[in-house]
C-alpha atoms as a PDB file:
ATOM      1  CA  MET A   1      87.366 118.110  47.357  1.00  0.00           C
ATOM      2  CA  VAL A   2      84.563 117.234  44.927  1.00  0.00           C
ATOM      3  CA  SER A   3      84.898 113.818  43.285  1.00  0.00           C
ATOM      4  CA  GLY A   4      85.962 113.924  39.631  1.00  0.00           C
ATOM      5  CA  LEU A   5      87.394 117.457  39.771  1.00  0.00           C
ATOM      6  CA  PRO A   6      91.088 118.384  39.831  1.00  0.00           C
ATOM      7  CA  ARG A   7      92.737 119.273  43.135  1.00  0.00           C
ATOM      8  CA  THR A   8      94.462 122.359  41.783  1.00  0.00           C
ATOM      9  CA  MET A   9      93.797 124.994  39.149  1.00  0.00           C
ATOM     10  CA  LYS A  10      95.498 127.889  37.400  1.00  0.00           C
ATOM     11  CA  ALA A  11      94.632 131.311  38.777  1.00  0.00           C
ATOM     12  CA  LEU A  12      95.629 134.934  38.269  1.00  0.00           C
ATOM     13  CA  SER A  13      96.903 136.201  41.622  1.00  0.00           C
ATOM     14  CA  LYS A  14      98.293 139.248  43.363  1.00  0.00           C
ATOM     15  CA  LEU A  15     101.034 137.547  45.380  1.00  0.00           C
ATOM     16  CA  ARG A  16     102.989 140.553  46.632  1.00  0.00           C
ATOM     17  CA  PRO A  17     102.378 144.272  47.252  1.00  0.00           C
ATOM     18  CA  GLU A  18     103.769 145.382  43.896  1.00  0.00           C
ATOM     19  CA  ARG A  19     102.720 146.034  40.330  1.00  0.00           C
ATOM     20  CA  GLY A  20     101.438 143.128  38.234  1.00  0.00           C
ATOM     21  CA  PHE A  21      99.858 139.690  38.627  1.00  0.00           C
ATOM     22  CA  VAL A  22     101.196 136.133  38.534  1.00  0.00           C
ATOM     23  CA  MET A  23      99.626 133.046  36.947  1.00  0.00           C
ATOM     24  CA  ASN A  24     100.033 130.347  39.586  1.00  0.00           C
ATOM     25  CA  GLU A  25      98.634 127.018  40.768  1.00  0.00           C
ATOM     26  CA  VAL A  26      96.204 127.109  43.697  1.00  0.00           C
ATOM     27  CA  PRO A  27      93.770 124.594  45.260  1.00  0.00           C
ATOM     28  CA  VAL A  28      90.323 124.266  43.691  1.00  0.00           C
ATOM     29  CA  PRO A  29      87.895 125.926  46.158  1.00  0.00           C
ATOM     30  CA  SER A  30      86.083 123.664  48.600  1.00  0.00           C
ATOM     31  CA  LEU A  31      82.285 123.732  48.819  1.00  0.00           C
ATOM     32  CA  GLY A  32      79.982 124.325  51.752  1.00  0.00           C
ATOM     33  CA  PRO A  33      76.410 122.964  51.699  1.00  0.00           C
ATOM     34  CA  THR A  34      74.980 126.131  50.060  1.00  0.00           C
ATOM     35  CA  ASP A  35      77.877 126.818  47.696  1.00  0.00           C
ATOM     36  CA  VAL A  36      78.101 126.398  43.928  1.00  0.00           C
ATOM     37  CA  LEU A  37      81.364 125.586  42.127  1.00  0.00           C
ATOM     38  CA  ILE A  38      81.536 127.256  38.713  1.00  0.00           C
ATOM     39  CA  ARG A  39      83.926 126.306  35.924  1.00  0.00           C
ATOM     40  CA  VAL A  40      84.918 129.735  34.660  1.00  0.00           C
ATOM     41  CA  GLU A  41      84.820 130.212  30.880  1.00  0.00           C
ATOM     42  CA  LYS A  42      85.127 133.950  30.229  1.00  0.00           C
ATOM     43  CA  VAL A  43      86.131 136.899  32.406  1.00  0.00           C
ATOM     44  CA  GLY A  44      86.047 140.648  31.937  1.00  0.00           C
ATOM     45  CA  LEU A  45      88.799 143.074  32.961  1.00  0.00           C
ATOM     46  CA  CYS A  46      87.660 146.221  34.724  1.00  0.00           C
ATOM     47  CA  GLY A  47      88.975 149.369  36.329  1.00  0.00           C
ATOM     48  CA  THR A  48      89.126 147.778  39.764  1.00  0.00           C
ATOM     49  CA  ASP A  49      91.358 145.005  38.398  1.00  0.00           C
ATOM     50  CA  HIS A  50      93.611 147.662  36.899  1.00  0.00           C
ATOM     51  CA  HIS A  51      93.793 149.514  40.238  1.00  0.00           C
ATOM     52  CA  ILE A  52      95.052 146.260  41.781  1.00  0.00           C
ATOM     53  CA  TYR A  53      97.359 145.454  38.849  1.00  0.00           C
ATOM     54  CA  ALA A  54      98.946 148.919  39.027  1.00  0.00           C
ATOM     55  CA  TRP A  55      98.978 148.742  42.848  1.00  0.00           C
ATOM     56  CA  ASP A  56      97.821 152.331  43.284  1.00  0.00           C
ATOM     57  CA  LYS A  57      96.990 154.034  46.571  1.00  0.00           C
ATOM     58  CA  TRP A  58      93.430 152.689  46.656  1.00  0.00           C
ATOM     59  CA  ALA A  59      94.618 149.101  46.108  1.00  0.00           C
ATOM     60  CA  GLN A  60      97.361 149.438  48.713  1.00  0.00           C
ATOM     61  CA  GLN A  61      94.791 150.501  51.297  1.00  0.00           C
ATOM     62  CA  ARG A  62      92.170 147.884  50.398  1.00  0.00           C
ATOM     63  CA  VAL A  63      93.768 144.680  49.069  1.00  0.00           C
ATOM     64  CA  LYS A  64      95.745 142.184  51.153  1.00  0.00           C
ATOM     65  CA  PRO A  65      97.870 139.764  49.061  1.00  0.00           C
ATOM     66  CA  PRO A  66      97.978 136.897  48.351  1.00  0.00           C
ATOM     67  CA  LEU A  67      94.671 137.059  46.518  1.00  0.00           C
ATOM     68  CA  VAL A  68      93.090 135.547  43.408  1.00  0.00           C
ATOM     69  CA  ILE A  69      91.675 138.591  41.629  1.00  0.00           C
ATOM     70  CA  GLY A  70      88.694 139.171  39.310  1.00  0.00           C
ATOM     71  CA  HIS A  71      84.964 139.572  39.713  1.00  0.00           C
ATOM     72  CA  GLU A  72      83.453 139.738  36.187  1.00  0.00           C
ATOM     73  CA  PHE A  73      82.807 136.256  34.828  1.00  0.00           C
ATOM     74  CA  MET A  74      80.522 133.588  33.439  1.00  0.00           C
ATOM     75  CA  GLY A  75      80.804 129.820  33.308  1.00  0.00           C
ATOM     76  CA  THR A  76      79.130 126.480  33.861  1.00  0.00           C
ATOM     77  CA  VAL A  77      78.103 124.899  37.154  1.00  0.00           C
ATOM     78  CA  ALA A  78      80.579 122.091  37.894  1.00  0.00           C
ATOM     79  CA  ALA A  79      79.404 121.000  41.353  1.00  0.00           C
ATOM     80  CA  ILE A  80      76.861 122.000  43.991  1.00  0.00           C
ATOM     81  CA  GLY A  81      76.670 121.745  47.765  1.00  0.00           C
ATOM     82  CA  SER A  82      74.274 119.330  49.424  1.00  0.00           C
ATOM     83  CA  ALA A  83      71.702 122.026  50.239  1.00  0.00           C
ATOM     84  CA  VAL A  84      71.676 123.805  46.857  1.00  0.00           C
ATOM     85  CA  ARG A  85      68.269 123.700  45.152  1.00  0.00           C
ATOM     86  CA  SER A  86      68.058 126.577  42.639  1.00  0.00           C
ATOM     87  CA  VAL A  87      70.783 125.599  40.146  1.00  0.00           C
ATOM     88  CA  GLN A  88      71.930 122.345  38.606  1.00  0.00           C
ATOM     89  CA  ILE A  89      75.235 121.003  37.333  1.00  0.00           C
ATOM     90  CA  GLY A  90      75.750 122.006  33.696  1.00  0.00           C
ATOM     91  CA  GLU A  91      73.788 125.281  33.797  1.00  0.00           C
ATOM     92  CA  ARG A  92      75.291 128.485  32.363  1.00  0.00           C
ATOM     93  CA  VAL A  93      75.618 131.106  35.062  1.00  0.00           C
ATOM     94  CA  SER A  94      77.168 134.350  36.151  1.00  0.00           C
ATOM     95  CA  ALA A  95      77.137 135.662  39.723  1.00  0.00           C
ATOM     96  CA  GLU A  96      76.862 138.781  41.832  1.00  0.00           C
ATOM     97  CA  GLY A  97      80.375 139.433  43.151  1.00  0.00           C
ATOM     98  CA  HIS A  98      79.332 141.242  46.333  1.00  0.00           C
ATOM     99  CA  ILE A  99      78.964 138.667  49.120  1.00  0.00           C
ATOM    100  CA  ALA A 100      76.512 140.126  51.628  1.00  0.00           C
ATOM    101  CA  ASP A 101      76.104 138.755  55.142  1.00  0.00           C
ATOM    102  CA  LEU A 102      72.268 138.812  54.756  1.00  0.00           C
ATOM    103  CA  THR A 103      71.838 139.568  58.485  1.00  0.00           C
ATOM    104  CA  CYS A 104      72.706 143.282  58.877  1.00  0.00           C
ATOM    105  CA  LEU A 105      70.157 146.113  58.865  1.00  0.00           C
ATOM    106  CA  LEU A 106      70.853 146.936  55.212  1.00  0.00           C
ATOM    107  CA  CYS A 107      70.427 143.360  54.000  1.00  0.00           C
ATOM    108  CA  ARG A 108      67.216 142.985  55.981  1.00  0.00           C
ATOM    109  CA  THR A 109      65.756 146.190  54.530  1.00  0.00           C
ATOM    110  CA  GLY A 110      66.366 145.492  50.829  1.00  0.00           C
ATOM    111  CA  GLU A 111      69.793 147.164  50.557  1.00  0.00           C
ATOM    112  CA  ALA A 112      72.052 144.094  50.385  1.00  0.00           C
ATOM    113  CA  HIS A 113      74.172 145.722  47.654  1.00  0.00           C
ATOM    114  CA  ILE A 114      75.563 148.083  50.326  1.00  0.00           C
ATOM    115  CA  CYS A 115      75.792 145.511  53.120  1.00  0.00           C
ATOM    116  CA  GLU A 116      77.952 146.945  55.915  1.00  0.00           C
ATOM    117  CA  ARG A 117      79.983 143.725  56.069  1.00  0.00           C
ATOM    118  CA  VAL A 118      80.137 143.000  52.337  1.00  0.00           C
ATOM    119  CA  GLU A 119      83.039 141.055  50.847  1.00  0.00           C
ATOM    120  CA  ILE A 120      83.821 141.508  47.154  1.00  0.00           C
ATOM    121  CA  ILE A 121      85.346 138.618  45.238  1.00  0.00           C
ATOM    122  CA  GLY A 122      88.712 139.509  43.764  1.00  0.00           C
ATOM    123  CA  VAL A 123      89.089 142.368  46.268  1.00  0.00           C
ATOM    124  CA  ASP A 124      88.326 141.082  49.776  1.00  0.00           C
ATOM    125  CA  ARG A 125      88.365 137.352  49.052  1.00  0.00           C
ATOM    126  CA  ASP A 126      89.564 135.076  46.256  1.00  0.00           C
ATOM    127  CA  GLY A 127      87.958 135.921  42.940  1.00  0.00           C
ATOM    128  CA  ALA A 128      87.006 134.551  39.550  1.00  0.00           C
ATOM    129  CA  PHE A 129      90.156 134.889  37.436  1.00  0.00           C
ATOM    130  CA  ALA A 130      90.737 131.181  37.857  1.00  0.00           C
ATOM    131  CA  GLU A 131      89.557 127.921  36.365  1.00  0.00           C
ATOM    132  CA  TYR A 132      86.999 127.513  39.157  1.00  0.00           C
ATOM    133  CA  VAL A 133      85.285 129.826  41.611  1.00  0.00           C
ATOM    134  CA  ALA A 134      82.965 128.946  44.507  1.00  0.00           C
ATOM    135  CA  MET A 135      79.966 131.220  45.068  1.00  0.00           C
ATOM    136  CA  PRO A 136      77.060 131.162  47.526  1.00  0.00           C
ATOM    137  CA  GLU A 137      73.896 129.840  45.869  1.00  0.00           C
ATOM    138  CA  TYR A 138      72.205 133.162  46.691  1.00  0.00           C
ATOM    139  CA  ASN A 139      74.670 135.037  44.437  1.00  0.00           C
ATOM    140  CA  VAL A 140      74.438 132.789  41.376  1.00  0.00           C
ATOM    141  CA  TRP A 141      72.595 134.197  38.348  1.00  0.00           C
ATOM    142  CA  ARG A 142      71.182 131.709  35.835  1.00  0.00           C
ATOM    143  CA  LEU A 143      71.751 133.045  32.327  1.00  0.00           C
ATOM    144  CA  ASP A 144      69.113 133.249  29.640  1.00  0.00           C
ATOM    145  CA  PRO A 145      70.193 131.082  26.670  1.00  0.00           C
ATOM    146  CA  ALA A 146      69.876 134.128  24.380  1.00  0.00           C
ATOM    147  CA  ILE A 147      72.739 135.941  26.145  1.00  0.00           C
ATOM    148  CA  PRO A 148      76.134 135.360  24.422  1.00  0.00           C
ATOM    149  CA  ASP A 149      79.040 134.261  26.642  1.00  0.00           C
ATOM    150  CA  GLU A 150      81.024 137.481  26.087  1.00  0.00           C
ATOM    151  CA  PHE A 151      78.033 139.579  27.127  1.00  0.00           C
ATOM    152  CA  ALA A 152      77.315 137.386  30.149  1.00  0.00           C
ATOM    153  CA  ALA A 153      80.917 137.740  31.353  1.00  0.00           C
ATOM    154  CA  ILE A 154      80.455 141.504  31.773  1.00  0.00           C
ATOM    155  CA  PHE A 155      76.993 141.656  33.320  1.00  0.00           C
ATOM    156  CA  ASP A 156      78.680 142.936  36.488  1.00  0.00           C
ATOM    157  CA  PRO A 157      79.933 146.235  34.967  1.00  0.00           C
ATOM    158  CA  LEU A 158      76.889 146.556  32.735  1.00  0.00           C
ATOM    159  CA  GLY A 159      74.866 146.230  35.935  1.00  0.00           C
ATOM    160  CA  ASN A 160      76.850 149.153  37.355  1.00  0.00           C
ATOM    161  CA  ALA A 161      75.801 151.246  34.372  1.00  0.00           C
ATOM    162  CA  VAL A 162      72.179 150.127  34.670  1.00  0.00           C
ATOM    163  CA  HIS A 163      72.094 150.815  38.430  1.00  0.00           C
ATOM    164  CA  THR A 164      73.611 154.282  37.921  1.00  0.00           C
ATOM    165  CA  VAL A 165      71.193 155.229  35.156  1.00  0.00           C
ATOM    166  CA  MET A 166      68.104 153.867  36.876  1.00  0.00           C
ATOM    167  CA  SER A 167      68.993 155.481  40.221  1.00  0.00           C
ATOM    168  CA  ALA A 168      69.465 158.855  38.540  1.00  0.00           C
ATOM    169  CA  GLY A 169      66.031 158.826  36.888  1.00  0.00           C
ATOM    170  CA  VAL A 170      66.989 159.922  33.361  1.00  0.00           C
ATOM    171  CA  SER A 171      63.632 159.600  31.584  1.00  0.00           C
ATOM    172  CA  ALA A 172      62.957 162.744  29.517  1.00  0.00           C
ATOM    173  CA  LYS A 173      66.105 164.326  31.004  1.00  0.00           C
ATOM    174  CA  SER A 174      69.331 165.647  29.504  1.00  0.00           C
ATOM    175  CA  VAL A 175      72.300 163.592  30.691  1.00  0.00           C
ATOM    176  CA  VAL A 176      76.027 164.329  30.801  1.00  0.00           C
ATOM    177  CA  ILE A 177      78.439 161.440  31.291  1.00  0.00           C
ATOM    178  CA  THR A 178      81.942 162.239  32.549  1.00  0.00           C
ATOM    179  CA  GLY A 179      84.306 159.402  31.714  1.00  0.00           C
ATOM    180  CA  VAL A 180      83.534 157.000  28.883  1.00  0.00           C
ATOM    181  CA  GLY A 181      85.578 154.013  29.819  1.00  0.00           C
ATOM    182  CA  SER A 182      83.733 150.745  29.469  1.00  0.00           C
ATOM    183  CA  ILE A 183      81.014 151.503  32.045  1.00  0.00           C
ATOM    184  CA  GLY A 184      80.543 155.069  30.819  1.00  0.00           C
ATOM    185  CA  LEU A 185      80.150 153.732  27.288  1.00  0.00           C
ATOM    186  CA  MET A 186      77.632 151.151  28.491  1.00  0.00           C
ATOM    187  CA  ALA A 187      75.654 153.922  30.185  1.00  0.00           C
ATOM    188  CA  ILE A 188      74.962 155.610  26.826  1.00  0.00           C
ATOM    189  CA  PRO A 189      72.656 152.940  25.321  1.00  0.00           C
ATOM    190  CA  VAL A 190      71.235 152.222  28.783  1.00  0.00           C
ATOM    191  CA  ALA A 191      70.308 155.905  29.217  1.00  0.00           C
ATOM    192  CA  ARG A 192      68.787 155.898  25.729  1.00  0.00           C
ATOM    193  CA  ALA A 193      66.757 152.798  26.540  1.00  0.00           C
ATOM    194  CA  ALA A 194      65.614 154.457  29.779  1.00  0.00           C
ATOM    195  CA  GLY A 195      64.272 157.464  27.865  1.00  0.00           C
ATOM    196  CA  ALA A 196      66.963 160.161  28.173  1.00  0.00           C
ATOM    197  CA  SER A 197      66.164 163.141  25.940  1.00  0.00           C
ATOM    198  CA  ALA A 198      69.841 163.903  25.211  1.00  0.00           C
ATOM    199  CA  VAL A 199      73.175 162.326  26.133  1.00  0.00           C
ATOM    200  CA  TYR A 200      76.480 164.238  26.214  1.00  0.00           C
ATOM    201  CA  ALA A 201      79.813 162.480  26.796  1.00  0.00           C
ATOM    202  CA  ILE A 202      83.077 163.946  28.109  1.00  0.00           C
ATOM    203  CA  ASP A 203      86.470 162.227  28.170  1.00  0.00           C
ATOM    204  CA  VAL A 204      90.175 162.822  27.610  1.00  0.00           C
ATOM    205  CA  ASN A 205      90.422 160.110  24.945  1.00  0.00           C
ATOM    206  CA  PRO A 206      89.258 160.994  21.395  1.00  0.00           C
ATOM    207  CA  ALA A 207      88.954 157.300  20.441  1.00  0.00           C
ATOM    208  CA  LYS A 208      86.559 156.678  23.336  1.00  0.00           C
ATOM    209  CA  LEU A 209      84.536 159.737  22.340  1.00  0.00           C
ATOM    210  CA  GLU A 210      84.266 158.425  18.777  1.00  0.00           C
ATOM    211  CA  LEU A 211      82.908 155.154  20.163  1.00  0.00           C
ATOM    212  CA  ALA A 212      80.518 157.126  22.391  1.00  0.00           C
ATOM    213  CA  THR A 213      79.078 158.730  19.239  1.00  0.00           C
ATOM    214  CA  ARG A 214      78.608 155.301  17.638  1.00  0.00           C
ATOM    215  CA  LEU A 215      76.763 154.158  20.771  1.00  0.00           C
ATOM    216  CA  GLY A 216      74.290 157.045  20.614  1.00  0.00           C
ATOM    217  CA  ALA A 217      75.746 160.121  22.319  1.00  0.00           C
ATOM    218  CA  ASP A 218      74.307 163.336  20.859  1.00  0.00           C
ATOM    219  CA  GLU A 219      77.516 165.310  21.365  1.00  0.00           C
ATOM    220  CA  THR A 220      80.984 164.516  22.707  1.00  0.00           C
ATOM    221  CA  PHE A 221      83.536 166.840  24.263  1.00  0.00           C
ATOM    222  CA  LEU A 222      87.219 166.621  25.132  1.00  0.00           C
ATOM    223  CA  ALA A 223      87.682 167.102  28.864  1.00  0.00           C
ATOM    224  CA  THR A 224      90.719 169.308  28.158  1.00  0.00           C
ATOM    225  CA  ASP A 225      88.605 171.840  26.232  1.00  0.00           C
ATOM    226  CA  PRO A 226      88.292 174.919  28.504  1.00  0.00           C
ATOM    227  CA  GLY A 227      84.898 175.694  26.984  1.00  0.00           C
ATOM    228  CA  VAL A 228      83.243 172.350  27.726  1.00  0.00           C
ATOM    229  CA  VAL A 229      81.036 173.661  30.566  1.00  0.00           C
ATOM    230  CA  ALA A 230      79.771 176.546  28.450  1.00  0.00           C
ATOM    231  CA  ASP A 231      79.256 174.263  25.439  1.00  0.00           C
ATOM    232  CA  VAL A 232      77.020 171.830  27.303  1.00  0.00           C
ATOM    233  CA  ARG A 233      75.105 174.648  28.966  1.00  0.00           C
ATOM    234  CA  ARG A 234      74.515 176.216  25.561  1.00  0.00           C
ATOM    235  CA  ARG A 235      72.970 172.937  24.367  1.00  0.00           C
ATOM    236  CA  THR A 236      70.705 172.781  27.418  1.00  0.00           C
ATOM    237  CA  ASN A 237      69.027 176.198  27.149  1.00  0.00           C
ATOM    238  CA  GLY A 238      71.690 177.742  29.368  1.00  0.00           C
ATOM    239  CA  ASP A 239      70.512 175.785  32.403  1.00  0.00           C
ATOM    240  CA  GLY A 240      72.910 172.856  32.435  1.00  0.00           C
ATOM    241  CA  ALA A 241      72.233 169.134  32.171  1.00  0.00           C
ATOM    242  CA  ASP A 242      69.472 167.634  34.295  1.00  0.00           C
ATOM    243  CA  VAL A 243      71.578 164.621  35.305  1.00  0.00           C
ATOM    244  CA  LEU A 244      75.287 163.919  35.764  1.00  0.00           C
ATOM    245  CA  LEU A 245      76.553 160.341  35.535  1.00  0.00           C
ATOM    246  CA  GLU A 246      80.149 160.440  36.840  1.00  0.00           C
ATOM    247  CA  MET A 247      82.012 157.329  35.686  1.00  0.00           C
ATOM    248  CA  SER A 248      85.692 158.326  35.797  1.00  0.00           C
ATOM    249  CA  GLY A 249      86.699 158.839  39.414  1.00  0.00           C
ATOM    250  CA  SER A 250      88.827 161.787  38.265  1.00  0.00           C
ATOM    251  CA  GLY A 251      88.734 164.786  40.569  1.00  0.00           C
ATOM    252  CA  SER A 252      88.800 167.219  37.655  1.00  0.00           C
ATOM    253  CA  ALA A 253      86.004 165.306  35.883  1.00  0.00           C
ATOM    254  CA  ILE A 254      83.847 165.368  39.016  1.00  0.00           C
ATOM    255  CA  ASP A 255      84.444 169.121  39.302  1.00  0.00           C
ATOM    256  CA  THR A 256      83.537 169.667  35.636  1.00  0.00           C
ATOM    257  CA  GLY A 257      80.444 167.491  35.847  1.00  0.00           C
ATOM    258  CA  LEU A 258      79.136 169.262  38.942  1.00  0.00           C
ATOM    259  CA  LYS A 259      79.627 172.616  37.193  1.00  0.00           C
ATOM    260  CA  ILE A 260      77.631 171.369  34.191  1.00  0.00           C
ATOM    261  CA  VAL A 261      74.632 169.916  36.019  1.00  0.00           C
ATOM    262  CA  ARG A 262      71.852 172.452  36.558  1.00  0.00           C
ATOM    263  CA  ASN A 263      70.624 173.812  39.878  1.00  0.00           C
ATOM    264  CA  GLY A 264      68.296 171.252  41.433  1.00  0.00           C
ATOM    265  CA  GLY A 265      69.705 168.482  39.250  1.00  0.00           C
ATOM    266  CA  ARG A 266      70.936 165.018  40.164  1.00  0.00           C
ATOM    267  CA  ALA A 267      74.489 163.674  40.226  1.00  0.00           C
ATOM    268  CA  ALA A 268      75.118 159.924  40.361  1.00  0.00           C
ATOM    269  CA  LEU A 269      78.739 159.152  41.220  1.00  0.00           C
ATOM    270  CA  LEU A 270      80.106 155.707  40.323  1.00  0.00           C
ATOM    271  CA  GLY A 271      83.791 156.292  39.476  1.00  0.00           C
ATOM    272  CA  ILE A 272      86.312 155.407  42.195  1.00  0.00           C
ATOM    273  CA  PRO A 273      89.013 158.044  42.780  1.00  0.00           C
ATOM    274  CA  SER A 274      92.541 156.760  43.340  1.00  0.00           C
ATOM    275  CA  ASP A 275      93.049 159.386  46.056  1.00  0.00           C
ATOM    276  CA  ASN A 276      91.165 162.065  47.993  1.00  0.00           C
ATOM    277  CA  VAL A 277      89.275 164.660  45.926  1.00  0.00           C
ATOM    278  CA  ASN A 278      88.987 168.364  46.756  1.00  0.00           C
ATOM    279  CA  LEU A 279      85.653 170.021  45.872  1.00  0.00           C
ATOM    280  CA  ASN A 280      83.981 173.354  46.544  1.00  0.00           C
ATOM    281  CA  LEU A 281      80.946 171.797  48.237  1.00  0.00           C
ATOM    282  CA  ALA A 282      79.239 175.140  48.842  1.00  0.00           C
ATOM    283  CA  GLU A 283      79.311 176.292  45.213  1.00  0.00           C
ATOM    284  CA  LEU A 284      78.954 172.949  43.437  1.00  0.00           C
ATOM    285  CA  ILE A 285      76.480 171.078  45.625  1.00  0.00           C
ATOM    286  CA  ILE A 286      74.950 172.989  48.542  1.00  0.00           C
ATOM    287  CA  PHE A 287      74.034 176.288  46.857  1.00  0.00           C
ATOM    288  CA  LYS A 288      72.934 174.414  43.724  1.00  0.00           C
ATOM    289  CA  GLY A 289      70.579 172.195  45.721  1.00  0.00           C
ATOM    290  CA  LEU A 290      71.892 169.053  44.037  1.00  0.00           C
ATOM    291  CA  THR A 291      70.808 165.537  44.855  1.00  0.00           C
ATOM    292  CA  VAL A 292      74.028 163.503  44.969  1.00  0.00           C
ATOM    293  CA  LEU A 293      73.876 159.710  44.785  1.00  0.00           C
ATOM    294  CA  GLY A 294      76.729 157.378  45.658  1.00  0.00           C
ATOM    295  CA  ILE A 295      76.425 154.299  43.437  1.00  0.00           C
ATOM    296  CA  ASN A 296      77.939 151.009  44.573  1.00  0.00           C
ATOM    297  CA  GLY A 297      77.583 147.741  42.692  1.00  0.00           C
ATOM    298  CA  ARG A 298      74.176 146.540  41.617  1.00  0.00           C
ATOM    299  CA  ARG A 299      70.894 146.161  43.479  1.00  0.00           C
ATOM    300  CA  MET A 300      70.368 142.505  44.391  1.00  0.00           C
ATOM    301  CA  PHE A 301      68.748 141.420  42.237  1.00  0.00           C
ATOM    302  CA  GLU A 302      66.566 144.084  40.681  1.00  0.00           C
ATOM    303  CA  THR A 303      69.475 145.371  38.573  1.00  0.00           C
ATOM    304  CA  TRP A 304      70.272 141.874  37.260  1.00  0.00           C
ATOM    305  CA  TYR A 305      66.711 141.448  35.969  1.00  0.00           C
ATOM    306  CA  GLN A 306      66.842 144.896  34.336  1.00  0.00           C
ATOM    307  CA  THR A 307      70.248 144.176  32.791  1.00  0.00           C
ATOM    308  CA  GLN A 308      69.249 140.847  31.296  1.00  0.00           C
ATOM    309  CA  ALA A 309      66.004 142.311  29.950  1.00  0.00           C
ATOM    310  CA  LEU A 310      67.821 145.207  28.254  1.00  0.00           C
ATOM    311  CA  VAL A 311      70.370 142.909  26.591  1.00  0.00           C
ATOM    312  CA  LYS A 312      67.835 140.279  25.568  1.00  0.00           C
ATOM    313  CA  SER A 313      65.577 142.928  24.023  1.00  0.00           C
ATOM    314  CA  GLY A 314      68.428 144.245  21.882  1.00  0.00           C
ATOM    315  CA  ARG A 315      68.114 147.740  23.360  1.00  0.00           C
ATOM    316  CA  VAL A 316      71.666 147.459  24.711  1.00  0.00           C
ATOM    317  CA  ASP A 317      74.230 145.972  22.310  1.00  0.00           C
ATOM    318  CA  LEU A 318      77.642 145.264  23.854  1.00  0.00           C
ATOM    319  CA  ARG A 319      79.400 144.258  20.635  1.00  0.00           C
ATOM    320  CA  PRO A 320      80.946 147.703  19.956  1.00  0.00           C
ATOM    321  CA  ILE A 321      82.204 147.859  23.549  1.00  0.00           C
ATOM    322  CA  ILE A 322      83.965 144.452  23.667  1.00  0.00           C
ATOM    323  CA  THR A 323      87.028 145.449  21.665  1.00  0.00           C
ATOM    324  CA  SER A 324      89.308 142.446  22.387  1.00  0.00           C
ATOM    325  CA  VAL A 325      88.896 138.803  23.414  1.00  0.00           C
ATOM    326  CA  LEU A 326      92.232 137.231  24.377  1.00  0.00           C
ATOM    327  CA  PRO A 327      93.395 133.890  25.808  1.00  0.00           C
ATOM    328  CA  PHE A 328      93.633 133.820  29.610  1.00  0.00           C
ATOM    329  CA  ALA A 329      97.407 133.352  29.408  1.00  0.00           C
ATOM    330  CA  ASP A 330      97.721 136.736  27.647  1.00  0.00           C
ATOM    331  CA  PHE A 331      96.662 138.673  30.748  1.00  0.00           C
ATOM    332  CA  ASP A 332      99.716 140.960  30.720  1.00  0.00           C
ATOM    333  CA  ARG A 333      98.970 141.912  27.116  1.00  0.00           C
ATOM    334  CA  ALA A 334      95.360 142.590  28.139  1.00  0.00           C
ATOM    335  CA  PHE A 335      96.411 145.035  30.840  1.00  0.00           C
ATOM    336  CA  GLU A 336      98.833 146.686  28.427  1.00  0.00           C
ATOM    337  CA  LEU A 337      95.905 147.275  26.075  1.00  0.00           C
ATOM    338  CA  ILE A 338      93.858 148.765  28.898  1.00  0.00           C
ATOM    339  CA  GLU A 339      96.702 151.099  29.856  1.00  0.00           C
ATOM    340  CA  SER A 340      97.188 152.153  26.237  1.00  0.00           C
ATOM    341  CA  GLY A 341      93.720 153.685  26.197  1.00  0.00           C
ATOM    342  CA  THR A 342      92.892 152.029  22.883  1.00  0.00           C
ATOM    343  CA  GLU A 343      90.467 149.472  24.295  1.00  0.00           C
ATOM    344  CA  ALA A 344      86.965 149.772  25.683  1.00  0.00           C
ATOM    345  CA  LYS A 345      86.383 146.317  27.187  1.00  0.00           C
ATOM    346  CA  VAL A 346      88.758 143.357  27.198  1.00  0.00           C
ATOM    347  CA  VAL A 347      87.492 139.807  27.816  1.00  0.00           C
ATOM    348  CA  LEU A 348      89.755 136.840  28.587  1.00  0.00           C
ATOM    349  CA  ASP A 349      88.813 133.352  27.376  1.00  0.00           C
ATOM    350  CA  LEU A 350      89.543 130.368  29.626  1.00  0.00           C
ATOM    351  CA  LYS A 351      88.105 127.752  27.282  1.00  0.00           C
ATOM    352  CA  GLY A 352      91.328 127.342  25.318  1.00  0.00           C
ATOM    353  CA  ASP A 353      94.765 126.212  26.437  1.00  0.00           C
ATOM    354  CA  LEU A 354      93.990 126.270  30.178  1.00  0.00           C
ATOM    355  CA  ALA A 355      91.012 123.899  29.997  1.00  0.00           C
ATOM    356  CA  LYS A 356      91.516 120.632  31.892  1.00  0.00           C
END
């Protein structure tokens, strides 16, 4: 227990293997010598949180209640361990939510974002939807003063979009994005900033497609339109798009996207399916000679530098994407909004009635 801090805190938890979360009282995390205690101020809700809230097949296989959930956040350093040197009490920070062991082959060869023994906060260990969260010093990201709190709270998913776009190599390429939830929407201005020659967006939700247009998509298409593959091919000289960015995790969207991307193209897959997906590998990947990239998290910490630079420069504006900011206590309402399909990104504010 750190002197001057409360012993307990409010947290949003998955207590039982069933739908929903509970706001409960839990101990404030203890600190090791290289840990940083962060007073959480704003958090972002994402698809992973909704998987756990809904308690779908993926969540049932991965998550072990009881667990404090959440991994998108920003806040202020409240306390530091005795060996911490890089951050100070009072600094504004966010943090990388993938806790790597830093000793495996992948960590030692510059691939810590896919550490074979990674633990993700809010999934494998207690997360950030609480008044305080403890993070290893290595994972803490000091925020530029020019970055607004709401933007800083969602650097994690924006980093997913940046990592996907940069890995796919979109400069001077035509890009099709399947699934324009919050990360798919973020990928549009990121792809533009990275030099994409054209961006096409596909989704089942007309409201999301309208927002995709506002964010810079050249054309948008309803996923239910049987002519969508032919339409995109027609706009790409009959060849198909150079790059697919798959953000939905939907089996049908993956199938459509792989049909649209041209022979010899690249497909970067970020969306997490809720169940197994059946694909015709021979026709859609092997015979087409596709390069298929599995995208997980963000590169530590190359993606964080890229993300902050893009936001600070104004090339990526998150204001149209953050559609609601609600009090932390209104978490059920926030998930209702997500399930309604009317929202792009919802942020919860802990600075109000839960502040101690």
